[in-house]
Amino acid sequence: MVGGASVCSICNLSSPVFYDGVSDLSYCAKCFVGYVYRKVVRTVRRYAMFERGDRVVLAVSGGKDSVVLADIMGRLGRRLRWVEFVGVTVDEGIRTPAGDYRAEALSLARSVLEKYSIPHRVYTYKELFGATLPEFMRAGVYAGSACSVCGVLRRRALNIAARELGATKIATGHNKDDEAQTVLMNVLRGDLERMVRAGAAEEVGGVGVGGFVPRVKPLKRLSEREIAMYAYLRGYGFQSVECPFSQDTVRDAVREALELLGSRISGVHDALLNFEDKLLERLGSTGAHVRACRNCGEPTSPGRELCKACEYVLRYAEKSGGGVSVGAP
């Protein structure tokens, strides 16, 4: 551990395992786990994420962020008995010579959900869209990165799953680093409307188009470092098989830039999230102009007749004769 005291700043008894350079506090294992849990609880309260009677889909991919999300929501669920959780994993159909990418992740997701007796459902791209991610990419539905296609289809799959399960919210494992990167990317693009649309999607009731289920992000104030340490201390494994479609993106460049800024400017990630909060407080969702896709009825960006999910599926059908409808049920 770099920096910090030789003893835990909280209990003054045990050796520290984590140092927070922003607060200049050192934490032992027990105090750190408690600190992370309380921080997530404060975030849930701050953004009024849950209401009485909510049925919340936990998007659990099996990665460390989603596993920590499931663990903390499982612990919280013992207190919030008026909120029901159900885990959903999306299987993209990715298989590699090094191993079954999704099978390993499914095992990790299943283990944490079973620990808290949270029901678990698996939805596949093949069943929902008629093709796996590798099949979409081989058909040439998009000239850019597979990550872009996967993100679009994953969001649609979660929305379909949430509606089918009667959920009122979808909780994702996006962390503080993810959120800060997104804010900075939107600023660099000059895309204020995208930022407002994202904020509207987190409001109760969402954007109100096509049965869109609103998103909540309980980990949005936790850093990647905090999540990784929490997962380790709670005994959760990490996925060993890397996604074969992983590649450098604009987000990676923004991540590196933020890491550099963070090494020189204390609290830069929190500052970006606070900026977004203040912006959304002033603008609300009034600027969130969305329209319904003419094919499936779900939300799509301004100026688009077809949402991207339908565009990819229809393009796949044209090129391969496959694909299925992605219309809202």
C-alpha atoms as a PDB file:
ATOM      1  CA  MET A   1       0.000   0.000   0.000  1.00  0.00           C
ATOM      2  CA  VAL A   2       1.378   3.405  -1.019  1.00  0.00           C
ATOM      3  CA  GLY A   3       0.895   6.262   1.449  1.00  0.00           C
ATOM      4  CA  GLY A   4      -1.329   6.310   4.507  1.00  0.00           C
ATOM      5  CA  ALA A   5      -0.849   5.429   8.165  1.00  0.00           C
ATOM      6  CA  SER A   6       0.592   2.269   9.678  1.00  0.00           C
ATOM      7  CA  VAL A   7      -2.692   1.545  11.453  1.00  0.00           C
ATOM      8  CA  CYS A   8      -6.351   1.791  10.397  1.00  0.00           C
ATOM      9  CA  SER A   9      -7.641   5.380  10.635  1.00  0.00           C
ATOM     10  CA  ILE A  10     -11.082   4.144  11.715  1.00  0.00           C
ATOM     11  CA  CYS A  11     -10.524   1.542  14.443  1.00  0.00           C
ATOM     12  CA  ASN A  12      -6.893   2.404  15.305  1.00  0.00           C
ATOM     13  CA  LEU A  13      -6.268  -1.302  15.855  1.00  0.00           C
ATOM     14  CA  SER A  14      -5.553  -3.264  12.682  1.00  0.00           C
ATOM     15  CA  SER A  15      -3.090  -2.928   9.830  1.00  0.00           C
ATOM     16  CA  PRO A  16      -4.507  -1.074   6.818  1.00  0.00           C
ATOM     17  CA  VAL A  17      -5.148  -2.723   3.455  1.00  0.00           C
ATOM     18  CA  PHE A  18      -6.468   0.324   1.565  1.00  0.00           C
ATOM     19  CA  TYR A  19      -5.456   3.973   1.455  1.00  0.00           C
ATOM     20  CA  ASP A  20      -7.767   6.688   0.111  1.00  0.00           C
ATOM     21  CA  GLY A  21      -5.621   9.562  -1.104  1.00  0.00           C
ATOM     22  CA  VAL A  22      -8.584  11.952  -1.393  1.00  0.00           C
ATOM     23  CA  SER A  23      -9.679  11.646   2.243  1.00  0.00           C
ATOM     24  CA  ASP A  24      -6.183  10.679   3.501  1.00  0.00           C
ATOM     25  CA  LEU A  25      -7.728   7.756   5.399  1.00  0.00           C
ATOM     26  CA  SER A  26      -6.380   4.221   5.746  1.00  0.00           C
ATOM     27  CA  TYR A  27      -8.689   1.238   6.238  1.00  0.00           C
ATOM     28  CA  CYS A  28      -8.202  -2.250   7.634  1.00  0.00           C
ATOM     29  CA  ALA A  29     -10.106  -5.066   5.918  1.00  0.00           C
ATOM     30  CA  LYS A  30     -13.108  -5.027   8.260  1.00  0.00           C
ATOM     31  CA  CYS A  31     -13.471  -1.236   8.314  1.00  0.00           C
ATOM     32  CA  PHE A  32     -13.033  -1.028   4.537  1.00  0.00           C
ATOM     33  CA  VAL A  33     -15.843  -3.506   3.818  1.00  0.00           C
ATOM     34  CA  GLY A  34     -18.117  -1.542   6.148  1.00  0.00           C
ATOM     35  CA  TYR A  35     -17.086   1.761   4.579  1.00  0.00           C
ATOM     36  CA  VAL A  36     -17.915   0.556   1.046  1.00  0.00           C
ATOM     37  CA  TYR A  37     -21.296  -0.821   2.092  1.00  0.00           C
ATOM     38  CA  ARG A  38     -22.252   2.415   3.866  1.00  0.00           C
ATOM     39  CA  LYS A  39     -21.077   4.476   0.899  1.00  0.00           C
ATOM     40  CA  VAL A  40     -23.391   2.553  -1.442  1.00  0.00           C
ATOM     41  CA  VAL A  41     -26.296   2.909   1.004  1.00  0.00           C
ATOM     42  CA  ARG A  42     -25.711   6.682   1.065  1.00  0.00           C
ATOM     43  CA  THR A  43     -25.680   6.744  -2.744  1.00  0.00           C
ATOM     44  CA  VAL A  44     -28.964   4.821  -2.920  1.00  0.00           C
ATOM     45  CA  ARG A  45     -30.526   7.321  -0.513  1.00  0.00           C
ATOM     46  CA  ARG A  46     -28.985  10.388  -2.149  1.00  0.00           C
ATOM     47  CA  TYR A  47     -30.445   9.553  -5.553  1.00  0.00           C
ATOM     48  CA  ALA A  48     -33.684   8.029  -4.159  1.00  0.00           C
ATOM     49  CA  MET A  49     -33.039   4.922  -6.244  1.00  0.00           C
ATOM     50  CA  PHE A  50     -35.628   2.593  -4.732  1.00  0.00           C
ATOM     51  CA  GLU A  51     -39.273   2.946  -3.779  1.00  0.00           C
ATOM     52  CA  ARG A  52     -41.607   0.716  -1.825  1.00  0.00           C
ATOM     53  CA  GLY A  53     -42.862  -2.104  -4.046  1.00  0.00           C
ATOM     54  CA  ASP A  54     -39.977  -1.917  -6.533  1.00  0.00           C
ATOM     55  CA  ARG A  55     -38.921  -5.072  -8.349  1.00  0.00           C
ATOM     56  CA  VAL A  56     -35.332  -4.480  -9.412  1.00  0.00           C
ATOM     57  CA  VAL A  57     -33.382  -6.381 -12.053  1.00  0.00           C
ATOM     58  CA  LEU A  58     -29.717  -6.702 -11.086  1.00  0.00           C
ATOM     59  CA  ALA A  59     -27.624  -6.788 -14.273  1.00  0.00           C
ATOM     60  CA  VAL A  60     -25.033  -9.373 -13.226  1.00  0.00           C
ATOM     61  CA  SER A  61     -22.527 -10.208 -15.953  1.00  0.00           C
ATOM     62  CA  GLY A  62     -20.109 -11.963 -13.606  1.00  0.00           C
ATOM     63  CA  GLY A  63     -17.498  -9.202 -13.785  1.00  0.00           C
ATOM     64  CA  LYS A  64     -16.240  -7.701 -10.530  1.00  0.00           C
ATOM     65  CA  ASP A  65     -18.476  -4.619 -10.718  1.00  0.00           C
ATOM     66  CA  SER A  66     -21.673  -6.611 -11.164  1.00  0.00           C
ATOM     67  CA  VAL A  67     -20.663  -9.203  -8.556  1.00  0.00           C
ATOM     68  CA  VAL A  68     -20.063  -6.434  -6.012  1.00  0.00           C
ATOM     69  CA  LEU A  69     -23.401  -4.882  -7.023  1.00  0.00           C
ATOM     70  CA  ALA A  70     -25.173  -8.197  -6.357  1.00  0.00           C
ATOM     71  CA  ASP A  71     -23.359  -8.694  -3.045  1.00  0.00           C
ATOM     72  CA  ILE A  72     -24.173  -5.252  -1.664  1.00  0.00           C
ATOM     73  CA  MET A  73     -27.765  -5.306  -2.954  1.00  0.00           C
ATOM     74  CA  GLY A  74     -28.139  -8.770  -1.417  1.00  0.00           C
ATOM     75  CA  ARG A  75     -26.970  -7.413   1.936  1.00  0.00           C
ATOM     76  CA  LEU A  76     -29.155  -4.336   1.564  1.00  0.00           C
ATOM     77  CA  GLY A  77     -32.136  -6.479   0.577  1.00  0.00           C
ATOM     78  CA  ARG A  78     -32.136  -8.025   4.045  1.00  0.00           C
ATOM     79  CA  ARG A  79     -32.996  -4.550   5.352  1.00  0.00           C
ATOM     80  CA  LEU A  80     -35.167  -3.295   2.484  1.00  0.00           C
ATOM     81  CA  ARG A  81     -37.707  -6.096   2.519  1.00  0.00           C
ATOM     82  CA  TRP A  82     -40.079  -3.897   0.527  1.00  0.00           C
ATOM     83  CA  VAL A  83     -37.752  -4.135  -2.506  1.00  0.00           C
ATOM     84  CA  GLU A  84     -37.462  -7.362  -4.516  1.00  0.00           C
ATOM     85  CA  PHE A  85     -34.335  -8.234  -6.510  1.00  0.00           C
ATOM     86  CA  VAL A  86     -33.913 -10.613  -9.439  1.00  0.00           C
ATOM     87  CA  GLY A  87     -30.595 -11.244 -11.189  1.00  0.00           C
ATOM     88  CA  VAL A  88     -30.302 -11.210 -14.976  1.00  0.00           C
ATOM     89  CA  THR A  89     -27.278 -12.293 -17.000  1.00  0.00           C
ATOM     90  CA  VAL A  90     -27.057 -11.663 -20.737  1.00  0.00           C
ATOM     91  CA  ASP A  91     -25.221 -14.326 -22.757  1.00  0.00           C
ATOM     92  CA  GLU A  92     -23.703 -12.877 -25.938  1.00  0.00           C
ATOM     93  CA  GLY A  93     -22.748 -16.318 -27.253  1.00  0.00           C
ATOM     94  CA  ILE A  94     -18.996 -15.693 -27.099  1.00  0.00           C
ATOM     95  CA  ARG A  95     -16.850 -18.826 -27.104  1.00  0.00           C
ATOM     96  CA  THR A  96     -13.026 -18.792 -27.271  1.00  0.00           C
ATOM     97  CA  PRO A  97     -10.241 -21.392 -27.619  1.00  0.00           C
ATOM     98  CA  ALA A  98      -9.102 -20.341 -24.130  1.00  0.00           C
ATOM     99  CA  GLY A  99     -12.463 -21.248 -22.643  1.00  0.00           C
ATOM    100  CA  ASP A 100     -16.136 -20.406 -22.549  1.00  0.00           C
ATOM    101  CA  TYR A 101     -16.081 -16.669 -21.849  1.00  0.00           C
ATOM    102  CA  ARG A 102     -19.659 -16.479 -20.645  1.00  0.00           C
ATOM    103  CA  ALA A 103     -19.763 -19.849 -18.814  1.00  0.00           C
ATOM    104  CA  GLU A 104     -17.099 -18.738 -16.346  1.00  0.00           C
ATOM    105  CA  ALA A 105     -18.883 -15.432 -15.780  1.00  0.00           C
ATOM    106  CA  LEU A 106     -22.213 -17.231 -15.341  1.00  0.00           C
ATOM    107  CA  SER A 107     -20.682 -19.347 -12.596  1.00  0.00           C
ATOM    108  CA  LEU A 108     -19.427 -16.235 -10.775  1.00  0.00           C
ATOM    109  CA  ALA A 109     -22.805 -14.514 -11.145  1.00  0.00           C
ATOM    110  CA  ARG A 110     -24.715 -17.576  -9.988  1.00  0.00           C
ATOM    111  CA  SER A 111     -22.579 -18.019  -6.867  1.00  0.00           C
ATOM    112  CA  VAL A 112     -23.211 -14.537  -5.470  1.00  0.00           C
ATOM    113  CA  LEU A 113     -26.928 -14.570  -6.319  1.00  0.00           C
ATOM    114  CA  GLU A 114     -27.423 -17.986  -4.714  1.00  0.00           C
ATOM    115  CA  LYS A 115     -25.688 -16.695  -1.580  1.00  0.00           C
ATOM    116  CA  TYR A 116     -28.563 -14.252  -1.061  1.00  0.00           C
ATOM    117  CA  SER A 117     -31.321 -16.481  -2.517  1.00  0.00           C
ATOM    118  CA  ILE A 118     -31.854 -14.013  -5.369  1.00  0.00           C
ATOM    119  CA  PRO A 119     -33.626 -15.566  -8.399  1.00  0.00           C
ATOM    120  CA  HIS A 120     -31.473 -15.701 -11.543  1.00  0.00           C
ATOM    121  CA  ARG A 121     -32.465 -15.624 -15.204  1.00  0.00           C
ATOM    122  CA  VAL A 122     -30.258 -15.898 -18.286  1.00  0.00           C
ATOM    123  CA  TYR A 123     -31.193 -14.259 -21.604  1.00  0.00           C
ATOM    124  CA  THR A 124     -29.237 -14.947 -24.784  1.00  0.00           C
ATOM    125  CA  TYR A 125     -28.653 -12.840 -27.870  1.00  0.00           C
ATOM    126  CA  LYS A 126     -29.465 -15.943 -29.922  1.00  0.00           C
ATOM    127  CA  GLU A 127     -32.947 -16.243 -28.425  1.00  0.00           C
ATOM    128  CA  LEU A 128     -33.716 -12.529 -28.408  1.00  0.00           C
ATOM    129  CA  PHE A 129     -32.137 -11.405 -31.683  1.00  0.00           C
ATOM    130  CA  GLY A 130     -31.572 -14.584 -33.684  1.00  0.00           C
ATOM    131  CA  ALA A 131     -27.768 -14.421 -33.629  1.00  0.00           C
ATOM    132  CA  THR A 132     -24.781 -14.380 -31.291  1.00  0.00           C
ATOM    133  CA  LEU A 133     -22.417 -11.416 -31.117  1.00  0.00           C
ATOM    134  CA  PRO A 134     -19.766 -13.257 -33.208  1.00  0.00           C
ATOM    135  CA  GLU A 135     -22.431 -13.978 -35.849  1.00  0.00           C
ATOM    136  CA  PHE A 136     -23.475 -10.321 -35.950  1.00  0.00           C
ATOM    137  CA  MET A 137     -19.870  -9.240 -36.424  1.00  0.00           C
ATOM    138  CA  ARG A 138     -19.085 -11.876 -39.076  1.00  0.00           C
ATOM    139  CA  ALA A 139     -22.111 -10.672 -41.020  1.00  0.00           C
ATOM    140  CA  GLY A 140     -20.685  -7.138 -41.003  1.00  0.00           C
ATOM    141  CA  VAL A 141     -23.645  -5.385 -39.366  1.00  0.00           C
ATOM    142  CA  TYR A 142     -21.314  -2.620 -38.173  1.00  0.00           C
ATOM    143  CA  ALA A 143     -17.892  -1.488 -39.341  1.00  0.00           C
ATOM    144  CA  GLY A 144     -16.825  -0.247 -35.903  1.00  0.00           C
ATOM    145  CA  SER A 145     -16.022  -2.114 -32.701  1.00  0.00           C
ATOM    146  CA  ALA A 146     -17.927  -5.149 -31.474  1.00  0.00           C
ATOM    147  CA  CYS A 147     -18.197  -3.359 -28.118  1.00  0.00           C
ATOM    148  CA  SER A 148     -20.523  -0.788 -29.705  1.00  0.00           C
ATOM    149  CA  VAL A 149     -22.832  -3.477 -31.104  1.00  0.00           C
ATOM    150  CA  CYS A 150     -22.707  -5.447 -27.859  1.00  0.00           C
ATOM    151  CA  GLY A 151     -23.572  -2.406 -25.746  1.00  0.00           C
ATOM    152  CA  VAL A 152     -26.647  -1.617 -27.842  1.00  0.00           C
ATOM    153  CA  LEU A 153     -27.912  -5.207 -27.794  1.00  0.00           C
ATOM    154  CA  ARG A 154     -27.147  -5.667 -24.095  1.00  0.00           C
ATOM    155  CA  ARG A 155     -29.166  -2.584 -23.145  1.00  0.00           C
ATOM    156  CA  ARG A 156     -32.069  -3.831 -25.267  1.00  0.00           C
ATOM    157  CA  ALA A 157     -31.817  -7.341 -23.793  1.00  0.00           C
ATOM    158  CA  LEU A 158     -31.940  -5.958 -20.248  1.00  0.00           C
ATOM    159  CA  ASN A 159     -34.974  -3.839 -21.089  1.00  0.00           C
ATOM    160  CA  ILE A 160     -36.792  -6.829 -22.599  1.00  0.00           C
ATOM    161  CA  ALA A 161     -35.877  -8.967 -19.579  1.00  0.00           C
ATOM    162  CA  ALA A 162     -37.002  -6.308 -17.108  1.00  0.00           C
ATOM    163  CA  ARG A 163     -40.390  -5.929 -18.779  1.00  0.00           C
ATOM    164  CA  GLU A 164     -40.871  -9.691 -18.971  1.00  0.00           C
ATOM    165  CA  LEU A 165     -40.060 -10.023 -15.270  1.00  0.00           C
ATOM    166  CA  GLY A 166     -42.308  -7.119 -14.278  1.00  0.00           C
ATOM    167  CA  ALA A 167     -39.389  -5.050 -12.999  1.00  0.00           C
ATOM    168  CA  THR A 168     -39.682  -1.362 -12.191  1.00  0.00           C
ATOM    169  CA  LYS A 169     -35.923  -0.635 -12.242  1.00  0.00           C
ATOM    170  CA  ILE A 170     -32.694  -2.029 -13.673  1.00  0.00           C
ATOM    171  CA  ALA A 171     -29.613  -1.725 -11.444  1.00  0.00           C
ATOM    172  CA  THR A 172     -26.247  -1.795 -13.215  1.00  0.00           C
ATOM    173  CA  GLY A 173     -22.707  -1.964 -11.866  1.00  0.00           C
ATOM    174  CA  HIS A 174     -21.403   1.261 -13.423  1.00  0.00           C
ATOM    175  CA  ASN A 175     -18.783   2.756 -11.126  1.00  0.00           C
ATOM    176  CA  LYS A 176     -17.376   6.233 -10.535  1.00  0.00           C
ATOM    177  CA  ASP A 177     -14.655   5.802 -13.144  1.00  0.00           C
ATOM    178  CA  ASP A 178     -17.216   4.704 -15.760  1.00  0.00           C
ATOM    179  CA  GLU A 179     -19.497   7.626 -14.994  1.00  0.00           C
ATOM    180  CA  ALA A 180     -16.707  10.228 -14.992  1.00  0.00           C
ATOM    181  CA  GLN A 181     -15.484   8.906 -18.343  1.00  0.00           C
ATOM    182  CA  THR A 182     -18.985   9.184 -19.799  1.00  0.00           C
ATOM    183  CA  VAL A 183     -19.398  12.765 -18.563  1.00  0.00           C
ATOM    184  CA  LEU A 184     -16.041  13.811 -20.015  1.00  0.00           C
ATOM    185  CA  MET A 185     -16.747  12.050 -23.329  1.00  0.00           C
ATOM    186  CA  ASN A 186     -20.055  13.915 -23.654  1.00  0.00           C
ATOM    187  CA  VAL A 187     -18.336  17.208 -22.829  1.00  0.00           C
ATOM    188  CA  LEU A 188     -15.618  16.554 -25.423  1.00  0.00           C
ATOM    189  CA  ARG A 189     -18.285  15.738 -28.017  1.00  0.00           C
ATOM    190  CA  GLY A 190     -20.275  18.814 -27.037  1.00  0.00           C
ATOM    191  CA  ASP A 191     -23.209  16.434 -26.596  1.00  0.00           C
ATOM    192  CA  LEU A 192     -25.264  17.993 -23.828  1.00  0.00           C
ATOM    193  CA  GLU A 193     -28.418  16.243 -25.019  1.00  0.00           C
ATOM    194  CA  ARG A 194     -26.876  12.795 -24.610  1.00  0.00           C
ATOM    195  CA  MET A 195     -25.981  13.680 -21.020  1.00  0.00           C
ATOM    196  CA  VAL A 196     -29.523  14.863 -20.322  1.00  0.00           C
ATOM    197  CA  ARG A 197     -31.014  11.730 -21.913  1.00  0.00           C
ATOM    198  CA  ALA A 198     -28.815   9.563 -19.699  1.00  0.00           C
ATOM    199  CA  GLY A 199     -29.984  11.494 -16.658  1.00  0.00           C
ATOM    200  CA  ALA A 200     -33.616  11.126 -17.691  1.00  0.00           C
ATOM    201  CA  ALA A 201     -33.143   7.367 -18.019  1.00  0.00           C
ATOM    202  CA  GLU A 202     -32.257   7.272 -14.316  1.00  0.00           C
ATOM    203  CA  GLU A 203     -35.387   9.129 -13.251  1.00  0.00           C
ATOM    204  CA  VAL A 204     -38.348   7.253 -11.837  1.00  0.00           C
ATOM    205  CA  GLY A 205     -40.549   6.459 -14.816  1.00  0.00           C
ATOM    206  CA  GLY A 206     -37.689   6.889 -17.268  1.00  0.00           C
ATOM    207  CA  VAL A 207     -38.286   8.668 -20.541  1.00  0.00           C
ATOM    208  CA  GLY A 208     -41.774   7.206 -20.872  1.00  0.00           C
ATOM    209  CA  VAL A 209     -41.360   5.815 -24.365  1.00  0.00           C
ATOM    210  CA  GLY A 210     -41.848   2.211 -25.436  1.00  0.00           C
ATOM    211  CA  GLY A 211     -41.900   0.663 -21.980  1.00  0.00           C
ATOM    212  CA  PHE A 212     -38.393   1.851 -21.152  1.00  0.00           C
ATOM    213  CA  VAL A 213     -37.401   0.616 -17.681  1.00  0.00           C
ATOM    214  CA  PRO A 214     -35.396   3.245 -15.741  1.00  0.00           C
ATOM    215  CA  ARG A 215     -31.805   2.526 -14.706  1.00  0.00           C
ATOM    216  CA  VAL A 216     -30.182   3.032 -11.313  1.00  0.00           C
ATOM    217  CA  LYS A 217     -26.463   2.857 -10.554  1.00  0.00           C
ATOM    218  CA  PRO A 218     -25.826   2.111  -6.866  1.00  0.00           C
ATOM    219  CA  LEU A 219     -22.034   1.892  -7.356  1.00  0.00           C
ATOM    220  CA  LYS A 220     -21.688   5.199  -9.203  1.00  0.00           C
ATOM    221  CA  ARG A 221     -19.776   6.779  -6.293  1.00  0.00           C
ATOM    222  CA  LEU A 222     -17.347   3.854  -5.853  1.00  0.00           C
ATOM    223  CA  SER A 223     -14.014   3.822  -7.683  1.00  0.00           C
ATOM    224  CA  GLU A 224     -12.667   0.822  -9.585  1.00  0.00           C
ATOM    225  CA  ARG A 225      -9.995   0.453  -6.878  1.00  0.00           C
ATOM    226  CA  GLU A 226     -12.593   0.347  -4.124  1.00  0.00           C
ATOM    227  CA  ILE A 227     -14.670  -2.230  -5.992  1.00  0.00           C
ATOM    228  CA  ALA A 228     -11.681  -4.459  -6.750  1.00  0.00           C
ATOM    229  CA  MET A 229     -10.542  -4.406  -3.119  1.00  0.00           C
ATOM    230  CA  TYR A 230     -14.062  -5.055  -1.820  1.00  0.00           C
ATOM    231  CA  ALA A 231     -14.464  -8.045  -4.177  1.00  0.00           C
ATOM    232  CA  TYR A 232     -11.109  -9.434  -3.043  1.00  0.00           C
ATOM    233  CA  LEU A 233     -11.860  -9.009   0.655  1.00  0.00           C
ATOM    234  CA  ARG A 234     -15.289 -10.605   0.252  1.00  0.00           C
ATOM    235  CA  GLY A 235     -13.686 -13.629  -1.399  1.00  0.00           C
ATOM    236  CA  TYR A 236     -15.074 -13.251  -4.908  1.00  0.00           C
ATOM    237  CA  GLY A 237     -13.047 -14.538  -7.841  1.00  0.00           C
ATOM    238  CA  PHE A 238     -12.201 -12.597 -10.974  1.00  0.00           C
ATOM    239  CA  GLN A 239     -12.938 -13.718 -14.512  1.00  0.00           C
ATOM    240  CA  SER A 240      -9.797 -15.216 -16.077  1.00  0.00           C
ATOM    241  CA  VAL A 241     -10.989 -15.456 -19.707  1.00  0.00           C
ATOM    242  CA  GLU A 242     -10.764 -12.109 -21.505  1.00  0.00           C
ATOM    243  CA  CYS A 243     -13.403 -11.158 -24.052  1.00  0.00           C
ATOM    244  CA  PRO A 244     -11.874 -11.785 -27.506  1.00  0.00           C
ATOM    245  CA  PHE A 245     -13.585  -8.674 -28.861  1.00  0.00           C
ATOM    246  CA  SER A 246     -11.933  -6.374 -26.327  1.00  0.00           C
ATOM    247  CA  GLN A 247      -9.997  -3.568 -28.033  1.00  0.00           C
ATOM    248  CA  ASP A 248      -8.811  -0.012 -27.533  1.00  0.00           C
ATOM    249  CA  THR A 249     -11.596   2.547 -27.807  1.00  0.00           C
ATOM    250  CA  VAL A 250     -12.126   6.278 -27.339  1.00  0.00           C
ATOM    251  CA  ARG A 251     -13.234   5.451 -23.799  1.00  0.00           C
ATOM    252  CA  ASP A 252      -9.831   3.882 -23.125  1.00  0.00           C
ATOM    253  CA  ALA A 253      -8.128   7.122 -24.179  1.00  0.00           C
ATOM    254  CA  VAL A 254     -10.456   9.108 -21.907  1.00  0.00           C
ATOM    255  CA  ARG A 255      -9.746   6.668 -19.067  1.00  0.00           C
ATOM    256  CA  GLU A 256      -6.005   7.219 -19.447  1.00  0.00           C
ATOM    257  CA  ALA A 257      -6.487  10.987 -19.539  1.00  0.00           C
ATOM    258  CA  LEU A 258      -8.553  10.881 -16.346  1.00  0.00           C
ATOM    259  CA  GLU A 259      -5.969   8.711 -14.620  1.00  0.00           C
ATOM    260  CA  LEU A 260      -3.335  11.320 -15.447  1.00  0.00           C
ATOM    261  CA  LEU A 261      -5.575  14.146 -14.245  1.00  0.00           C
ATOM    262  CA  GLY A 262      -6.432  12.184 -11.103  1.00  0.00           C
ATOM    263  CA  SER A 263      -2.748  11.847 -10.248  1.00  0.00           C
ATOM    264  CA  ARG A 264      -2.447  15.640 -10.286  1.00  0.00           C
ATOM    265  CA  ILE A 265      -5.909  16.877  -9.290  1.00  0.00           C
ATOM    266  CA  SER A 266      -7.432  15.301  -6.199  1.00  0.00           C
ATOM    267  CA  GLY A 267     -11.072  14.246  -6.568  1.00  0.00           C
ATOM    268  CA  VAL A 268     -11.386  14.884 -10.308  1.00  0.00           C
ATOM    269  CA  HIS A 269     -13.802  11.960 -10.815  1.00  0.00           C
ATOM    270  CA  ASP A 270     -16.125  13.181  -8.059  1.00  0.00           C
ATOM    271  CA  ALA A 271     -15.925  16.693  -9.494  1.00  0.00           C
ATOM    272  CA  LEU A 272     -17.172  15.459 -12.881  1.00  0.00           C
ATOM    273  CA  LEU A 273     -20.065  13.578 -11.282  1.00  0.00           C
ATOM    274  CA  ASN A 274     -20.971  16.622  -9.184  1.00  0.00           C
ATOM    275  CA  PHE A 275     -20.914  18.732 -12.355  1.00  0.00           C
ATOM    276  CA  GLU A 276     -23.350  16.309 -14.002  1.00  0.00           C
ATOM    277  CA  ASP A 277     -25.645  16.345 -10.957  1.00  0.00           C
ATOM    278  CA  LYS A 278     -25.778  20.147 -10.920  1.00  0.00           C
ATOM    279  CA  LEU A 279     -26.390  20.286 -14.661  1.00  0.00           C
ATOM    280  CA  LEU A 280     -29.276  17.827 -14.434  1.00  0.00           C
ATOM    281  CA  GLU A 281     -30.753  19.693 -11.452  1.00  0.00           C
ATOM    282  CA  ARG A 282     -30.961  22.816 -13.611  1.00  0.00           C
ATOM    283  CA  LEU A 283     -32.088  21.191 -16.837  1.00  0.00           C
ATOM    284  CA  GLY A 284     -34.049  18.205 -15.542  1.00  0.00           C
ATOM    285  CA  SER A 285     -35.288  15.947 -18.346  1.00  0.00           C
ATOM    286  CA  THR A 286     -36.725  18.826 -20.378  1.00  0.00           C
ATOM    287  CA  GLY A 287     -33.982  18.468 -22.956  1.00  0.00           C
ATOM    288  CA  ALA A 288     -34.325  14.697 -23.264  1.00  0.00           C
ATOM    289  CA  HIS A 289     -35.834  14.594 -26.744  1.00  0.00           C
ATOM    290  CA  VAL A 290     -36.502  11.003 -27.701  1.00  0.00           C
ATOM    291  CA  ARG A 291     -38.770   9.319 -30.191  1.00  0.00           C
ATOM    292  CA  ALA A 292     -40.124   5.819 -30.600  1.00  0.00           C
ATOM    293  CA  CYS A 293     -38.490   3.447 -33.078  1.00  0.00           C
ATOM    294  CA  ARG A 294     -40.918   2.800 -35.955  1.00  0.00           C
ATOM    295  CA  ASN A 295     -40.091  -0.916 -35.900  1.00  0.00           C
ATOM    296  CA  CYS A 296     -40.098  -1.878 -32.198  1.00  0.00           C
ATOM    297  CA  GLY A 297     -41.534   1.191 -30.447  1.00  0.00           C
ATOM    298  CA  GLU A 298     -38.642   1.532 -28.003  1.00  0.00           C
ATOM    299  CA  PRO A 299     -36.738   4.800 -27.481  1.00  0.00           C
ATOM    300  CA  THR A 300     -34.305   5.956 -30.123  1.00  0.00           C
ATOM    301  CA  SER A 301     -32.127   9.013 -30.593  1.00  0.00           C
ATOM    302  CA  PRO A 302     -33.425  12.219 -32.185  1.00  0.00           C
ATOM    303  CA  GLY A 303     -33.378  12.080 -35.969  1.00  0.00           C
ATOM    304  CA  ARG A 304     -33.437   8.270 -36.121  1.00  0.00           C
ATOM    305  CA  GLU A 305     -36.403   6.332 -37.511  1.00  0.00           C
ATOM    306  CA  LEU A 306     -34.923   3.007 -36.400  1.00  0.00           C
ATOM    307  CA  CYS A 307     -33.206   2.326 -33.100  1.00  0.00           C
ATOM    308  CA  LYS A 308     -29.713   0.860 -33.375  1.00  0.00           C
ATOM    309  CA  ALA A 309     -30.810  -2.561 -32.107  1.00  0.00           C
ATOM    310  CA  CYS A 310     -33.363  -2.890 -34.911  1.00  0.00           C
ATOM    311  CA  GLU A 311     -30.828  -1.556 -37.393  1.00  0.00           C
ATOM    312  CA  TYR A 312     -28.330  -4.281 -36.472  1.00  0.00           C
ATOM    313  CA  VAL A 313     -30.917  -7.082 -36.443  1.00  0.00           C
ATOM    314  CA  LEU A 314     -32.478  -6.043 -39.754  1.00  0.00           C
ATOM    315  CA  ARG A 315     -29.053  -5.672 -41.348  1.00  0.00           C
ATOM    316  CA  TYR A 316     -28.131  -9.144 -40.109  1.00  0.00           C
ATOM    317  CA  ALA A 317     -31.358 -10.532 -41.594  1.00  0.00           C
ATOM    318  CA  GLU A 318     -30.559  -8.937 -44.957  1.00  0.00           C
ATOM    319  CA  LYS A 319     -27.038 -10.310 -45.016  1.00  0.00           C
ATOM    320  CA  SER A 320     -27.660 -13.789 -43.621  1.00  0.00           C
ATOM    321  CA  GLY A 321     -31.367 -14.487 -43.842  1.00  0.00           C
ATOM    322  CA  GLY A 322     -31.488 -14.781 -40.030  1.00  0.00           C
ATOM    323  CA  GLY A 323     -32.462 -12.532 -37.147  1.00  0.00           C
ATOM    324  CA  VAL A 324     -35.717 -12.091 -35.262  1.00  0.00           C
ATOM    325  CA  SER A 325     -38.037  -9.236 -34.373  1.00  0.00           C
ATOM    326  CA  VAL A 326     -36.908  -7.011 -31.523  1.00  0.00           C
ATOM    327  CA  GLY A 327     -40.304  -5.406 -31.069  1.00  0.00           C
ATOM    328  CA  ALA A 328     -41.482  -4.553 -27.574  1.00  0.00           C
ATOM    329  CA  PRO A 329     -43.654  -7.333 -26.194  1.00  0.00           C
END
